[in-house]
Amino acid sequence: MRRSWLGVAVVALLARALGAQAYADAPLARGTLSFDAKATLGAFTGSTTSLKGLLEGAPTLSGVRGWVEAPARSLSSQNGKRDRDTWSSLEVEKYPTLRFQLDSVAPGEAQRDSTGVVLLGRLTLHGQTHPVRLPGWVWRRGGRLRFRGAVPVNLKEYRVGGLTKALGMLRMDEHIIVRVDVTFGAGEGP
């Protein structure tokens, strides 16, 4: 009799723990997509907050799926000429959307209020889609889930051209760092 009571108690505790770890479907509440670049005239950052996306819930963090996308034309460095060059290089009329499709999550070490993760997915940029491993951190608070991370991207792999101007005197390095800071869900949280 004692074994069956203990078994029921363990199953109940596991069910409660798994329920506490479940991740529900959630729309993107807010976010920023940015990139850090280097050019002949100095380093610069472009960013956008015009994001939309959806987190597709799962019983555990590793099962979470989803996507985030932004209009390529919404990227801004606060420099009109540079922005027009960026949009031209990205051919925003032909390839209007930047998108990250999340295929799986590899949870890592949990800290006090966050968990290290690697998001495994596909990045679409300039009409080209490539697999990426996006390392970062996840915070879960209330009804919200926040992710912050960064990944190096080689623009040549995405066939982005127009990185040189003025007969090659002005150049933008093909290697950039893409940064993501997104929060999904409702309620209080990070």
N, C-alpha and C. Protein backbone atom coordinates (compact mmCIF):
# COMPACT_ATOMS: atom_id res chain seq x y z
N MET A 1 0.82 -1.19 0.00
CA MET A 1 0.00 0.00 0.00
C MET A 1 0.86 1.25 0.00
N ARG A 2 1.94 1.19 0.75
CA ARG A 2 2.82 2.34 0.83
C ARG A 2 3.46 2.67 -0.52
N ARG A 3 3.83 1.65 -1.29
CA ARG A 3 4.43 1.86 -2.59
C ARG A 3 3.46 2.56 -3.54
N SER A 4 2.22 2.16 -3.55
CA SER A 4 1.26 2.78 -4.47
C SER A 4 1.03 4.24 -4.09
N TRP A 5 1.00 4.56 -2.80
CA TRP A 5 0.84 5.95 -2.38
C TRP A 5 2.04 6.78 -2.82
N LEU A 6 3.23 6.20 -2.64
CA LEU A 6 4.45 6.88 -3.04
C LEU A 6 4.47 7.06 -4.56
N GLY A 7 4.08 6.05 -5.31
CA GLY A 7 4.02 6.15 -6.77
C GLY A 7 3.07 7.24 -7.22
N VAL A 8 1.90 7.31 -6.60
CA VAL A 8 0.92 8.35 -6.95
C VAL A 8 1.48 9.73 -6.62
N ALA A 9 2.14 9.86 -5.49
CA ALA A 9 2.72 11.14 -5.09
C ALA A 9 3.81 11.58 -6.06
N VAL A 10 4.66 10.64 -6.48
CA VAL A 10 5.72 10.97 -7.43
C VAL A 10 5.12 11.39 -8.77
N VAL A 11 4.14 10.64 -9.26
CA VAL A 11 3.50 10.99 -10.53
C VAL A 11 2.84 12.36 -10.43
N ALA A 12 2.17 12.64 -9.32
CA ALA A 12 1.53 13.95 -9.14
C ALA A 12 2.56 15.07 -9.12
N LEU A 13 3.68 14.85 -8.43
CA LEU A 13 4.73 15.87 -8.39
C LEU A 13 5.34 16.09 -9.77
N LEU A 14 5.58 15.00 -10.52
CA LEU A 14 6.12 15.13 -11.86
C LEU A 14 5.15 15.86 -12.78
N ALA A 15 3.89 15.52 -12.68
CA ALA A 15 2.88 16.18 -13.52
C ALA A 15 2.83 17.67 -13.20
N ARG A 16 2.90 18.01 -11.93
CA ARG A 16 2.89 19.42 -11.53
C ARG A 16 4.15 20.13 -12.03
N ALA A 17 5.30 19.45 -11.92
CA ALA A 17 6.55 20.06 -12.38
C ALA A 17 6.54 20.23 -13.89
N LEU A 18 6.06 19.22 -14.61
CA LEU A 18 5.99 19.34 -16.07
C LEU A 18 5.01 20.43 -16.47
N GLY A 19 3.91 20.53 -15.77
CA GLY A 19 2.94 21.59 -16.06
C GLY A 19 3.55 22.96 -15.84
N ALA A 20 4.38 23.09 -14.82
CA ALA A 20 5.03 24.36 -14.53
C ALA A 20 6.04 24.70 -15.61
N GLN A 21 6.59 23.69 -16.27
CA GLN A 21 7.58 23.93 -17.31
C GLN A 21 6.96 24.09 -18.69
N ALA A 22 5.67 23.85 -18.83
CA ALA A 22 5.03 23.94 -20.14
C ALA A 22 5.11 25.36 -20.68
N TYR A 23 5.25 25.46 -21.99
CA TYR A 23 5.33 26.74 -22.68
C TYR A 23 4.13 26.86 -23.60
N ALA A 24 3.33 27.90 -23.41
CA ALA A 24 2.12 28.10 -24.19
C ALA A 24 2.42 28.89 -25.46
N ASP A 25 1.53 28.76 -26.46
CA ASP A 25 1.61 29.60 -27.64
C ASP A 25 1.56 31.05 -27.20
N ALA A 26 2.35 31.90 -27.81
CA ALA A 26 2.38 33.31 -27.43
C ALA A 26 2.82 34.18 -28.60
N PRO A 27 2.12 35.28 -28.82
CA PRO A 27 2.55 36.22 -29.87
C PRO A 27 3.75 37.04 -29.39
N LEU A 28 4.45 37.62 -30.33
CA LEU A 28 5.55 38.51 -29.99
C LEU A 28 4.98 39.76 -29.33
N ALA A 29 5.46 40.09 -28.15
CA ALA A 29 4.99 41.28 -27.44
C ALA A 29 5.83 42.50 -27.82
N ARG A 30 7.14 42.30 -27.93
CA ARG A 30 8.04 43.38 -28.35
C ARG A 30 9.38 42.76 -28.71
N GLY A 31 10.17 43.54 -29.45
CA GLY A 31 11.48 43.02 -29.81
C GLY A 31 12.30 44.01 -30.61
N THR A 32 13.58 43.70 -30.67
CA THR A 32 14.53 44.47 -31.46
C THR A 32 15.43 43.51 -32.21
N LEU A 33 15.60 43.78 -33.48
CA LEU A 33 16.55 43.07 -34.32
C LEU A 33 17.58 44.11 -34.74
N SER A 34 18.86 43.80 -34.55
CA SER A 34 19.89 44.77 -34.92
C SER A 34 21.10 44.05 -35.50
N PHE A 35 21.96 44.84 -36.14
CA PHE A 35 23.21 44.29 -36.64
C PHE A 35 24.32 45.30 -36.38
N ASP A 36 25.49 44.78 -36.08
CA ASP A 36 26.70 45.59 -35.92
C ASP A 36 27.57 45.33 -37.13
N ALA A 37 28.03 46.42 -37.76
CA ALA A 37 28.83 46.30 -38.97
C ALA A 37 30.04 47.23 -38.89
N LYS A 38 31.04 46.92 -39.72
CA LYS A 38 32.23 47.76 -39.83
C LYS A 38 32.37 48.20 -41.28
N ALA A 39 32.75 49.46 -41.45
CA ALA A 39 32.94 50.00 -42.78
C ALA A 39 34.17 50.90 -42.78
N THR A 40 34.59 51.31 -43.96
CA THR A 40 35.76 52.17 -44.10
C THR A 40 35.65 53.41 -43.21
N LEU A 41 34.47 53.99 -43.15
CA LEU A 41 34.28 55.23 -42.38
C LEU A 41 33.92 54.98 -40.92
N GLY A 42 33.98 53.72 -40.46
CA GLY A 42 33.73 53.42 -39.06
C GLY A 42 32.64 52.38 -38.86
N ALA A 43 32.54 51.94 -37.64
CA ALA A 43 31.54 50.94 -37.27
C ALA A 43 30.18 51.60 -37.14
N PHE A 44 29.13 50.82 -37.37
CA PHE A 44 27.77 51.33 -37.21
C PHE A 44 26.82 50.19 -36.85
N THR A 45 25.66 50.58 -36.37
CA THR A 45 24.61 49.63 -36.00
C THR A 45 23.33 50.01 -36.71
N GLY A 46 22.64 49.02 -37.22
CA GLY A 46 21.31 49.21 -37.78
C GLY A 46 20.34 48.40 -36.95
N SER A 47 19.11 48.88 -36.81
CA SER A 47 18.15 48.12 -36.00
C SER A 47 16.72 48.41 -36.44
N THR A 48 15.82 47.56 -35.96
CA THR A 48 14.39 47.74 -36.16
C THR A 48 13.64 47.16 -34.97
N THR A 49 12.51 47.78 -34.69
CA THR A 49 11.58 47.24 -33.69
C THR A 49 10.27 46.84 -34.37
N SER A 50 10.25 46.86 -35.69
CA SER A 50 9.06 46.48 -36.46
C SER A 50 9.05 44.98 -36.69
N LEU A 51 8.88 44.26 -35.62
CA LEU A 51 8.91 42.80 -35.68
C LEU A 51 7.53 42.22 -35.44
N LYS A 52 7.32 41.04 -35.99
CA LYS A 52 6.16 40.24 -35.62
C LYS A 52 6.64 38.81 -35.50
N GLY A 53 5.88 38.01 -34.76
CA GLY A 53 6.30 36.63 -34.58
C GLY A 53 5.35 35.85 -33.71
N LEU A 54 5.63 34.58 -33.58
CA LEU A 54 4.79 33.69 -32.79
C LEU A 54 5.65 32.60 -32.18
N LEU A 55 5.42 32.34 -30.91
CA LEU A 55 6.05 31.24 -30.20
C LEU A 55 5.04 30.12 -30.16
N GLU A 56 5.41 28.96 -30.68
CA GLU A 56 4.53 27.79 -30.66
C GLU A 56 4.92 26.94 -29.46
N GLY A 57 4.03 26.86 -28.48
CA GLY A 57 4.32 26.22 -27.21
C GLY A 57 4.58 24.73 -27.30
N ALA A 58 5.10 24.21 -26.20
CA ALA A 58 5.42 22.79 -26.08
C ALA A 58 5.51 22.45 -24.59
N PRO A 59 5.50 21.17 -24.25
CA PRO A 59 5.60 20.78 -22.84
C PRO A 59 6.93 21.18 -22.20
N THR A 60 8.01 21.26 -23.02
CA THR A 60 9.32 21.65 -22.49
C THR A 60 9.96 22.69 -23.40
N LEU A 61 10.97 23.37 -22.90
CA LEU A 61 11.66 24.39 -23.67
C LEU A 61 12.25 23.82 -24.96
N SER A 62 12.79 22.60 -24.91
CA SER A 62 13.41 22.02 -26.11
C SER A 62 12.41 21.80 -27.24
N GLY A 63 11.13 21.73 -26.94
CA GLY A 63 10.12 21.50 -27.97
C GLY A 63 9.52 22.75 -28.55
N VAL A 64 9.88 23.92 -28.04
CA VAL A 64 9.31 25.18 -28.50
C VAL A 64 9.74 25.44 -29.95
N ARG A 65 8.81 25.92 -30.74
CA ARG A 65 9.06 26.30 -32.13
C ARG A 65 8.54 27.73 -32.32
N GLY A 66 8.77 28.31 -33.48
CA GLY A 66 8.22 29.63 -33.73
C GLY A 66 8.95 30.36 -34.83
N TRP A 67 8.66 31.65 -34.94
CA TRP A 67 9.27 32.48 -35.97
C TRP A 67 9.21 33.94 -35.57
N VAL A 68 10.13 34.70 -36.15
CA VAL A 68 10.16 36.16 -36.00
C VAL A 68 10.55 36.71 -37.36
N GLU A 69 9.87 37.79 -37.78
CA GLU A 69 10.25 38.42 -39.03
C GLU A 69 10.11 39.92 -38.95
N ALA A 70 10.80 40.60 -39.88
CA ALA A 70 10.79 42.06 -39.92
C ALA A 70 10.89 42.50 -41.38
N PRO A 71 10.30 43.65 -41.70
CA PRO A 71 10.50 44.21 -43.03
C PRO A 71 11.95 44.68 -43.18
N ALA A 72 12.62 44.26 -44.24
CA ALA A 72 14.01 44.65 -44.44
C ALA A 72 14.16 46.17 -44.51
N ARG A 73 13.16 46.85 -45.07
CA ARG A 73 13.22 48.30 -45.19
C ARG A 73 13.12 49.01 -43.84
N SER A 74 12.72 48.32 -42.80
CA SER A 74 12.59 48.96 -41.49
C SER A 74 13.94 49.09 -40.77
N LEU A 75 15.00 48.44 -41.28
CA LEU A 75 16.32 48.57 -40.67
C LEU A 75 16.81 50.01 -40.82
N SER A 76 17.28 50.57 -39.73
CA SER A 76 17.75 51.96 -39.76
C SER A 76 19.00 52.13 -38.91
N SER A 77 19.95 52.89 -39.47
CA SER A 77 21.16 53.25 -38.73
C SER A 77 21.12 54.71 -38.30
N GLN A 78 19.99 55.36 -38.53
CA GLN A 78 19.83 56.79 -38.26
C GLN A 78 20.70 57.65 -39.17
N ASN A 79 21.10 57.09 -40.33
CA ASN A 79 21.85 57.82 -41.33
C ASN A 79 21.20 57.52 -42.67
N GLY A 80 20.48 58.49 -43.22
CA GLY A 80 19.68 58.27 -44.43
C GLY A 80 20.45 57.68 -45.59
N LYS A 81 21.64 58.21 -45.89
CA LYS A 81 22.44 57.70 -47.01
C LYS A 81 22.85 56.25 -46.77
N ARG A 82 23.33 55.97 -45.55
CA ARG A 82 23.73 54.60 -45.22
C ARG A 82 22.53 53.66 -45.29
N ASP A 83 21.36 54.12 -44.80
CA ASP A 83 20.17 53.27 -44.85
C ASP A 83 19.78 52.96 -46.29
N ARG A 84 19.83 53.95 -47.18
CA ARG A 84 19.51 53.71 -48.58
C ARG A 84 20.49 52.71 -49.20
N ASP A 85 21.78 52.81 -48.84
CA ASP A 85 22.78 51.84 -49.33
C ASP A 85 22.47 50.44 -48.79
N THR A 86 22.10 50.36 -47.52
CA THR A 86 21.75 49.06 -46.92
C THR A 86 20.56 48.45 -47.63
N TRP A 87 19.51 49.24 -47.84
CA TRP A 87 18.31 48.74 -48.51
C TRP A 87 18.62 48.31 -49.94
N SER A 88 19.50 49.07 -50.61
CA SER A 88 19.88 48.71 -51.98
C SER A 88 20.64 47.38 -51.98
N SER A 89 21.59 47.23 -51.06
CA SER A 89 22.35 45.98 -50.98
C SER A 89 21.45 44.79 -50.66
N LEU A 90 20.45 45.01 -49.81
CA LEU A 90 19.52 43.94 -49.45
C LEU A 90 18.43 43.73 -50.50
N GLU A 91 18.37 44.63 -51.48
CA GLU A 91 17.34 44.56 -52.53
C GLU A 91 15.95 44.39 -51.91
N VAL A 92 15.59 45.36 -51.06
CA VAL A 92 14.36 45.23 -50.26
C VAL A 92 13.08 45.17 -51.09
N GLU A 93 13.11 45.69 -52.31
CA GLU A 93 11.92 45.57 -53.17
C GLU A 93 11.73 44.12 -53.61
N LYS A 94 12.81 43.44 -53.88
CA LYS A 94 12.77 42.04 -54.33
C LYS A 94 12.65 41.06 -53.17
N TYR A 95 13.34 41.38 -52.04
CA TYR A 95 13.38 40.51 -50.87
C TYR A 95 12.95 41.32 -49.64
N PRO A 96 11.66 41.54 -49.47
CA PRO A 96 11.18 42.49 -48.45
C PRO A 96 11.24 42.01 -47.00
N THR A 97 11.47 40.72 -46.76
CA THR A 97 11.34 40.20 -45.40
C THR A 97 12.61 39.52 -44.91
N LEU A 98 12.96 39.81 -43.65
CA LEU A 98 14.01 39.10 -42.92
C LEU A 98 13.27 38.15 -41.98
N ARG A 99 13.69 36.90 -41.90
CA ARG A 99 12.94 35.93 -41.09
C ARG A 99 13.86 34.93 -40.41
N PHE A 100 13.52 34.61 -39.16
CA PHE A 100 14.16 33.51 -38.45
C PHE A 100 13.09 32.50 -38.11
N GLN A 101 13.27 31.26 -38.55
CA GLN A 101 12.35 30.16 -38.28
C GLN A 101 13.00 29.26 -37.24
N LEU A 102 12.40 29.15 -36.07
CA LEU A 102 12.94 28.33 -34.99
C LEU A 102 12.49 26.89 -35.17
N ASP A 103 13.47 25.98 -35.31
CA ASP A 103 13.18 24.56 -35.49
C ASP A 103 13.27 23.78 -34.18
N SER A 104 14.19 24.19 -33.30
CA SER A 104 14.32 23.53 -32.00
C SER A 104 15.17 24.38 -31.07
N VAL A 105 15.13 24.03 -29.79
CA VAL A 105 15.89 24.74 -28.77
C VAL A 105 16.76 23.72 -28.04
N ALA A 106 18.04 24.04 -27.90
CA ALA A 106 18.95 23.20 -27.12
C ALA A 106 19.21 23.92 -25.79
N PRO A 107 18.48 23.53 -24.73
CA PRO A 107 18.69 24.19 -23.44
C PRO A 107 20.07 23.86 -22.88
N GLY A 108 20.64 24.83 -22.21
CA GLY A 108 21.94 24.64 -21.57
C GLY A 108 21.82 24.82 -20.08
N GLU A 109 22.82 25.44 -19.52
CA GLU A 109 22.90 25.62 -18.08
C GLU A 109 21.91 26.67 -17.58
N ALA A 110 21.20 26.35 -16.51
CA ALA A 110 20.29 27.30 -15.87
C ALA A 110 21.07 28.11 -14.84
N GLN A 111 20.85 29.40 -14.87
CA GLN A 111 21.43 30.31 -13.88
C GLN A 111 20.31 30.68 -12.90
N ARG A 112 20.50 31.72 -12.14
CA ARG A 112 19.50 32.11 -11.14
C ARG A 112 18.15 32.41 -11.78
N ASP A 113 18.12 33.28 -12.79
CA ASP A 113 16.84 33.67 -13.37
C ASP A 113 16.79 33.45 -14.87
N SER A 114 17.77 32.74 -15.43
CA SER A 114 17.82 32.54 -16.87
C SER A 114 18.39 31.17 -17.21
N THR A 115 18.23 30.82 -18.48
CA THR A 115 18.77 29.55 -18.97
C THR A 115 19.53 29.83 -20.26
N GLY A 116 20.74 29.34 -20.34
CA GLY A 116 21.49 29.42 -21.58
C GLY A 116 20.86 28.48 -22.60
N VAL A 117 20.75 28.93 -23.84
CA VAL A 117 20.14 28.12 -24.89
C VAL A 117 20.89 28.35 -26.20
N VAL A 118 20.68 27.43 -27.12
CA VAL A 118 21.06 27.63 -28.51
C VAL A 118 19.80 27.39 -29.32
N LEU A 119 19.38 28.43 -30.05
CA LEU A 119 18.23 28.29 -30.94
C LEU A 119 18.73 27.72 -32.26
N LEU A 120 18.13 26.64 -32.69
CA LEU A 120 18.49 26.00 -33.94
C LEU A 120 17.39 26.31 -34.95
N GLY A 121 17.77 26.93 -36.04
CA GLY A 121 16.74 27.32 -37.00
C GLY A 121 17.33 27.72 -38.32
N ARG A 122 16.54 28.52 -39.06
CA ARG A 122 16.92 28.96 -40.40
C ARG A 122 16.73 30.46 -40.50
N LEU A 123 17.75 31.13 -41.00
CA LEU A 123 17.70 32.57 -41.20
C LEU A 123 17.53 32.84 -42.69
N THR A 124 16.51 33.65 -43.02
CA THR A 124 16.30 34.07 -44.40
C THR A 124 16.64 35.54 -44.50
N LEU A 125 17.59 35.83 -45.37
CA LEU A 125 18.11 37.18 -45.59
C LEU A 125 18.42 37.29 -47.07
N HIS A 126 17.94 38.35 -47.73
CA HIS A 126 18.21 38.58 -49.15
C HIS A 126 17.76 37.38 -49.99
N GLY A 127 16.64 36.77 -49.59
CA GLY A 127 16.07 35.66 -50.33
C GLY A 127 16.81 34.35 -50.18
N GLN A 128 17.84 34.32 -49.36
CA GLN A 128 18.63 33.11 -49.13
C GLN A 128 18.34 32.60 -47.72
N THR A 129 18.19 31.28 -47.60
CA THR A 129 17.92 30.68 -46.30
C THR A 129 19.05 29.72 -45.95
N HIS A 130 19.59 29.91 -44.73
CA HIS A 130 20.67 29.05 -44.25
C HIS A 130 20.40 28.64 -42.81
N PRO A 131 20.85 27.44 -42.41
CA PRO A 131 20.71 27.04 -41.01
C PRO A 131 21.61 27.89 -40.13
N VAL A 132 21.13 28.22 -38.94
CA VAL A 132 21.93 28.97 -37.98
C VAL A 132 21.76 28.38 -36.58
N ARG A 133 22.79 28.57 -35.79
CA ARG A 133 22.77 28.24 -34.36
C ARG A 133 22.90 29.56 -33.64
N LEU A 134 21.85 29.99 -32.99
CA LEU A 134 21.79 31.30 -32.35
C LEU A 134 21.89 31.13 -30.84
N PRO A 135 23.09 31.32 -30.26
CA PRO A 135 23.24 31.18 -28.81
C PRO A 135 22.71 32.40 -28.07
N GLY A 136 22.22 32.18 -26.87
CA GLY A 136 21.73 33.29 -26.07
C GLY A 136 21.18 32.81 -24.74
N TRP A 137 20.30 33.65 -24.18
CA TRP A 137 19.71 33.39 -22.86
C TRP A 137 18.21 33.56 -22.91
N VAL A 138 17.50 32.75 -22.14
CA VAL A 138 16.05 32.85 -22.01
C VAL A 138 15.71 33.17 -20.57
N TRP A 139 14.78 34.11 -20.40
CA TRP A 139 14.21 34.43 -19.09
C TRP A 139 12.72 34.15 -19.17
N ARG A 140 12.19 33.53 -18.13
CA ARG A 140 10.75 33.27 -18.06
C ARG A 140 10.23 33.90 -16.79
N ARG A 141 9.27 34.80 -16.96
CA ARG A 141 8.69 35.48 -15.80
C ARG A 141 7.22 35.76 -16.11
N GLY A 142 6.37 35.30 -15.20
CA GLY A 142 4.94 35.50 -15.42
C GLY A 142 4.53 34.83 -16.72
N GLY A 143 3.76 35.54 -17.50
CA GLY A 143 3.31 35.00 -18.78
C GLY A 143 4.23 35.34 -19.93
N ARG A 144 5.47 35.74 -19.64
CA ARG A 144 6.38 36.18 -20.69
C ARG A 144 7.63 35.31 -20.78
N LEU A 145 8.14 35.22 -22.00
CA LEU A 145 9.38 34.52 -22.27
C LEU A 145 10.25 35.46 -23.11
N ARG A 146 11.45 35.77 -22.61
CA ARG A 146 12.35 36.69 -23.31
C ARG A 146 13.60 35.95 -23.76
N PHE A 147 14.05 36.24 -24.97
CA PHE A 147 15.30 35.69 -25.50
C PHE A 147 16.19 36.84 -25.94
N ARG A 148 17.48 36.74 -25.58
CA ARG A 148 18.50 37.67 -26.07
C ARG A 148 19.68 36.85 -26.55
N GLY A 149 20.14 37.16 -27.76
CA GLY A 149 21.28 36.44 -28.29
C GLY A 149 21.89 37.14 -29.48
N ALA A 150 23.00 36.60 -29.97
CA ALA A 150 23.70 37.18 -31.11
C ALA A 150 24.39 36.08 -31.89
N VAL A 151 24.53 36.32 -33.20
CA VAL A 151 25.17 35.34 -34.07
C VAL A 151 25.94 36.08 -35.17
N PRO A 152 27.15 35.60 -35.50
CA PRO A 152 27.87 36.19 -36.63
C PRO A 152 27.24 35.73 -37.94
N VAL A 153 27.19 36.64 -38.91
CA VAL A 153 26.62 36.33 -40.22
C VAL A 153 27.59 36.86 -41.28
N ASN A 154 27.85 36.03 -42.29
CA ASN A 154 28.65 36.45 -43.43
C ASN A 154 27.69 36.82 -44.56
N LEU A 155 27.64 38.10 -44.91
CA LEU A 155 26.70 38.58 -45.92
C LEU A 155 26.92 37.94 -47.29
N LYS A 156 28.15 37.55 -47.59
CA LYS A 156 28.43 36.90 -48.88
C LYS A 156 27.71 35.55 -48.98
N GLU A 157 27.56 34.85 -47.84
CA GLU A 157 26.84 33.57 -47.85
C GLU A 157 25.38 33.77 -48.23
N TYR A 158 24.86 34.96 -48.01
CA TYR A 158 23.47 35.29 -48.35
C TYR A 158 23.38 36.06 -49.66
N ARG A 159 24.49 36.09 -50.39
CA ARG A 159 24.59 36.73 -51.70
C ARG A 159 24.23 38.22 -51.68
N VAL A 160 24.58 38.88 -50.58
CA VAL A 160 24.38 40.32 -50.48
C VAL A 160 25.55 41.00 -51.18
N GLY A 161 25.24 41.82 -52.15
CA GLY A 161 26.27 42.54 -52.89
C GLY A 161 26.25 44.02 -52.54
N GLY A 162 26.96 44.80 -53.31
CA GLY A 162 26.97 46.24 -53.12
C GLY A 162 27.67 46.67 -51.84
N LEU A 163 28.65 45.90 -51.40
CA LEU A 163 29.35 46.23 -50.16
C LEU A 163 30.53 47.19 -50.39
N THR A 164 30.78 47.54 -51.66
CA THR A 164 31.82 48.52 -51.96
C THR A 164 31.21 49.66 -52.76
N LYS A 165 31.71 50.85 -52.54
CA LYS A 165 31.26 52.07 -53.24
C LYS A 165 32.49 52.86 -53.65
N ALA A 166 32.28 53.85 -54.47
CA ALA A 166 33.34 54.77 -54.89
C ALA A 166 34.58 54.01 -55.38
N LEU A 167 34.34 53.12 -56.37
CA LEU A 167 35.43 52.35 -56.97
C LEU A 167 36.25 51.57 -55.93
N GLY A 168 35.59 51.08 -54.89
CA GLY A 168 36.23 50.25 -53.89
C GLY A 168 36.89 51.01 -52.75
N MET A 169 36.81 52.34 -52.80
CA MET A 169 37.44 53.13 -51.72
C MET A 169 36.63 53.05 -50.43
N LEU A 170 35.33 52.86 -50.56
CA LEU A 170 34.47 52.71 -49.39
C LEU A 170 33.97 51.27 -49.35
N ARG A 171 34.22 50.61 -48.24
CA ARG A 171 33.86 49.20 -48.11
C ARG A 171 33.13 48.94 -46.80
N MET A 172 32.22 47.98 -46.89
CA MET A 172 31.60 47.45 -45.68
C MET A 172 32.08 46.01 -45.53
N ASP A 173 32.52 45.65 -44.35
CA ASP A 173 32.97 44.28 -44.09
C ASP A 173 31.79 43.33 -44.26
N GLU A 174 32.02 42.21 -44.91
CA GLU A 174 30.95 41.23 -45.13
C GLU A 174 30.52 40.51 -43.85
N HIS A 175 31.32 40.59 -42.80
CA HIS A 175 31.02 39.93 -41.53
C HIS A 175 30.30 40.91 -40.60
N ILE A 176 29.10 40.53 -40.20
CA ILE A 176 28.33 41.36 -39.27
C ILE A 176 27.92 40.49 -38.08
N ILE A 177 27.45 41.14 -37.03
CA ILE A 177 26.87 40.44 -35.88
C ILE A 177 25.40 40.80 -35.84
N VAL A 178 24.55 39.79 -35.87
CA VAL A 178 23.11 40.00 -35.77
C VAL A 178 22.70 39.76 -34.32
N ARG A 179 21.97 40.73 -33.76
CA ARG A 179 21.51 40.65 -32.36
C ARG A 179 19.99 40.61 -32.33
N VAL A 180 19.48 39.76 -31.43
CA VAL A 180 18.05 39.58 -31.28
C VAL A 180 17.68 39.74 -29.81
N ASP A 181 16.64 40.52 -29.54
CA ASP A 181 16.10 40.68 -28.19
C ASP A 181 14.58 40.69 -28.35
N VAL A 182 13.93 39.56 -28.04
CA VAL A 182 12.50 39.42 -28.25
C VAL A 182 11.80 38.91 -26.99
N THR A 183 10.58 39.40 -26.79
CA THR A 183 9.76 38.97 -25.67
C THR A 183 8.41 38.51 -26.21
N PHE A 184 8.02 37.30 -25.81
CA PHE A 184 6.75 36.73 -26.22
C PHE A 184 5.81 36.65 -25.03
N GLY A 185 4.51 36.76 -25.28
CA GLY A 185 3.50 36.51 -24.25
C GLY A 185 2.92 37.76 -23.67
N ALA A 186 2.06 37.53 -22.69
CA ALA A 186 1.35 38.61 -22.03
C ALA A 186 1.71 38.60 -20.54
N GLY A 187 1.29 39.63 -19.87
CA GLY A 187 1.51 39.71 -18.42
C GLY A 187 2.82 40.35 -18.09
N GLU A 188 3.19 40.22 -16.82
CA GLU A 188 4.42 40.83 -16.32
C GLU A 188 5.61 39.99 -16.74
N GLY A 189 6.71 40.63 -16.92
CA GLY A 189 7.90 39.88 -17.27
C GLY A 189 8.98 40.76 -17.80
N PRO A 190 10.08 40.09 -18.20
CA PRO A 190 11.25 40.81 -18.68
C PRO A 190 10.99 41.56 -19.98
